[in-house]
Amino acid sequence: MADVNSDTEIIEFAVARELEAYHFFLALAEKVASPHIRAVLHDLANEELEHKEKLRLELMKMGKVVPDTPKTTIPPHDYVISDTDEQLNMDYRDVLLLGMEKEEASFRTYVSLIPRVHDEGSREVLLALAEEEVRHKLRFQTEYDALLKQR
């Protein structure tokens, strides 16, 4: 994790992580063949944007001017393993597993940031997002379990 110290830096770091996740899911959506899986990935990307907006609001409460675009961005092609692949052979099961993995990582990130924040409001936002990530992971887990029962 990046070396962040102030409450503002911590929230900015979290915003950047949500934006990275957004771009990752969009780039992945462009690589899959299935329209259904593409739609699921777009939904995931939109959820990441919602998280980013909650964090941006927290920065605004701190009096921080928050640009729409981050200071640094990673080009979308850096989010997918290979630009030479025409399509990735991901099925719905793979998307669910990826979603669980990403949500678990986001949860762990938020949990690790909470004790480092001094502002109670910011701590509550990070805790709420950590809880949301757990709910998202549970949603993926439920879908995954249902899929396994169908087989």
Protein backbone atom coordinates (compact mmCIF):
# COMPACT_ATOMS: atom_id res chain seq x y z
CA MET A 1 0.00 0.00 0.00
CA ALA A 2 1.20 3.50 -0.72
CA ASP A 3 2.73 5.48 2.14
CA VAL A 4 -0.10 7.83 3.09
CA ASN A 5 -0.23 9.81 6.30
CA SER A 6 -2.83 12.56 6.50
CA ASP A 7 -6.57 12.00 6.40
CA THR A 8 -6.68 13.76 3.04
CA GLU A 9 -3.95 11.53 1.59
CA ILE A 10 -5.72 8.43 2.87
CA ILE A 11 -9.04 9.40 1.27
CA GLU A 12 -7.27 10.43 -1.96
CA PHE A 13 -5.57 7.03 -2.00
CA ALA A 14 -8.97 5.32 -1.60
CA VAL A 15 -10.40 7.44 -4.45
CA ALA A 16 -7.52 6.36 -6.69
CA ARG A 17 -8.10 2.69 -5.80
CA GLU A 18 -11.80 2.95 -6.69
CA LEU A 19 -10.93 4.65 -9.98
CA GLU A 20 -8.42 1.90 -10.78
CA ALA A 21 -11.08 -0.74 -10.11
CA TYR A 22 -13.51 1.15 -12.36
CA HIS A 23 -11.02 1.18 -15.24
CA PHE A 24 -10.12 -2.45 -14.64
CA PHE A 25 -13.71 -3.63 -14.97
CA LEU A 26 -14.32 -1.46 -18.06
CA ALA A 27 -11.17 -2.74 -19.77
CA LEU A 28 -12.10 -6.31 -18.92
CA ALA A 29 -15.63 -5.76 -20.28
CA GLU A 30 -14.14 -4.80 -23.64
CA LYS A 31 -12.29 -8.13 -23.79
CA VAL A 32 -15.10 -10.59 -23.05
CA ALA A 33 -17.28 -12.07 -25.77
CA SER A 34 -20.51 -12.56 -23.82
CA PRO A 35 -22.90 -9.57 -23.76
CA HIS A 36 -24.27 -10.81 -20.40
CA ILE A 37 -20.82 -10.93 -18.80
CA ARG A 38 -19.99 -7.57 -20.35
CA ALA A 39 -23.11 -6.14 -18.67
CA VAL A 40 -22.09 -7.63 -15.31
CA LEU A 41 -18.65 -6.04 -15.63
CA HIS A 42 -20.19 -2.67 -16.50
CA ASP A 43 -22.37 -2.96 -13.37
CA LEU A 44 -19.25 -3.63 -11.31
CA ALA A 45 -17.56 -0.61 -12.84
CA ASN A 46 -20.54 1.59 -11.98
CA GLU A 47 -20.44 0.40 -8.36
CA GLU A 48 -16.80 1.46 -8.18
CA LEU A 49 -17.76 4.92 -9.43
CA GLU A 50 -20.38 5.18 -6.69
CA HIS A 51 -17.71 4.39 -4.11
CA LYS A 52 -15.39 6.97 -5.63
CA GLU A 53 -18.10 9.63 -5.40
CA LYS A 54 -18.70 8.90 -1.70
CA LEU A 55 -15.00 9.37 -1.07
CA ARG A 56 -14.84 12.55 -3.17
CA LEU A 57 -17.69 13.96 -1.08
CA GLU A 58 -15.66 13.25 2.05
CA LEU A 59 -12.72 15.16 0.57
CA MET A 60 -14.99 18.08 -0.21
CA LYS A 61 -16.15 18.08 3.43
CA MET A 62 -12.48 18.44 4.36
CA GLY A 63 -12.32 21.56 2.20
CA LYS A 64 -10.31 19.85 -0.51
CA VAL A 65 -10.92 20.84 -4.12
CA VAL A 66 -11.45 17.55 -5.92
CA PRO A 67 -10.85 17.42 -9.69
CA ASP A 68 -12.98 15.07 -11.78
CA THR A 69 -9.85 13.35 -13.02
CA PRO A 70 -7.03 12.17 -10.77
CA LYS A 71 -3.52 13.62 -10.86
CA THR A 72 -2.23 10.44 -12.46
CA THR A 73 -4.08 7.84 -14.43
CA ILE A 74 -3.08 4.46 -15.72
CA PRO A 75 -4.08 3.86 -19.32
CA PRO A 76 -6.92 1.31 -19.62
CA HIS A 77 -4.73 -1.17 -21.49
CA ASP A 78 -2.62 -1.55 -18.33
CA TYR A 79 -5.57 -3.14 -16.56
CA VAL A 80 -5.80 -6.22 -18.75
CA ILE A 81 -3.19 -8.94 -19.11
CA SER A 82 -2.61 -8.59 -22.84
CA ASP A 83 -3.72 -6.20 -25.56
CA THR A 84 -2.98 -8.85 -28.17
CA ASP A 85 -5.79 -11.12 -26.98
CA GLU A 86 -8.91 -10.67 -29.07
CA GLN A 87 -11.19 -11.88 -26.30
CA LEU A 88 -10.81 -13.45 -22.91
CA ASN A 89 -12.50 -16.78 -22.33
CA MET A 90 -14.26 -15.75 -19.14
CA ASP A 91 -17.49 -17.36 -18.21
CA TYR A 92 -19.95 -16.16 -15.58
CA ARG A 93 -18.22 -18.30 -12.94
CA ASP A 94 -14.89 -16.59 -13.65
CA VAL A 95 -16.50 -13.15 -13.38
CA LEU A 96 -18.06 -14.08 -10.03
CA LEU A 97 -14.73 -15.35 -8.71
CA LEU A 98 -12.98 -12.21 -9.91
CA GLY A 99 -15.67 -10.05 -8.30
CA MET A 100 -15.25 -11.86 -4.97
CA GLU A 101 -11.49 -11.44 -5.12
CA LYS A 102 -11.68 -7.72 -5.95
CA GLU A 103 -14.29 -7.03 -3.25
CA GLU A 104 -12.24 -8.90 -0.65
CA ALA A 105 -9.15 -6.87 -1.58
CA SER A 106 -11.14 -3.63 -1.34
CA PHE A 107 -12.52 -4.65 2.05
CA ARG A 108 -9.01 -5.38 3.35
CA THR A 109 -7.78 -2.03 2.03
CA TYR A 110 -10.52 -0.08 3.80
CA VAL A 111 -10.05 -2.02 7.04
CA SER A 112 -6.32 -1.24 6.98
CA LEU A 113 -6.98 2.47 6.35
CA ILE A 114 -9.59 3.00 9.09
CA PRO A 115 -7.18 3.08 12.07
CA ARG A 116 -4.94 5.55 10.24
CA VAL A 117 -7.68 8.19 9.85
CA HIS A 118 -8.12 10.77 12.60
CA ASP A 119 -11.35 12.40 11.43
CA GLU A 120 -14.38 10.52 12.78
CA GLY A 121 -16.50 11.32 9.69
CA SER A 122 -13.84 9.95 7.36
CA ARG A 123 -13.49 6.87 9.53
CA GLU A 124 -17.24 6.29 9.28
CA VAL A 125 -17.16 6.63 5.48
CA LEU A 126 -14.32 4.12 5.21
CA LEU A 127 -16.14 1.74 7.56
CA ALA A 128 -19.35 2.08 5.53
CA LEU A 129 -17.45 1.33 2.32
CA ALA A 130 -15.75 -1.68 3.94
CA GLU A 131 -19.19 -2.97 4.92
CA GLU A 132 -20.44 -2.35 1.38
CA GLU A 133 -17.53 -4.32 -0.05
CA VAL A 134 -18.44 -7.24 2.22
CA ARG A 135 -22.05 -7.09 1.01
CA HIS A 136 -20.84 -7.06 -2.60
CA LYS A 137 -18.62 -10.06 -1.95
CA LEU A 138 -21.55 -11.86 -0.34
CA ARG A 139 -23.69 -11.08 -3.38
CA PHE A 140 -21.05 -12.64 -5.63
CA GLN A 141 -20.70 -15.60 -3.28
CA THR A 142 -24.47 -16.18 -3.31
CA GLU A 143 -24.56 -16.04 -7.10
CA TYR A 144 -21.56 -18.36 -7.28
CA ASP A 145 -23.15 -20.89 -4.91
CA ALA A 146 -26.39 -20.81 -6.92
CA LEU A 147 -24.42 -21.36 -10.12
CA LEU A 148 -22.66 -24.39 -8.62
CA LYS A 149 -26.00 -25.90 -7.57
CA GLN A 150 -27.24 -25.64 -11.17
CA ARG A 151 -24.37 -27.75 -12.46
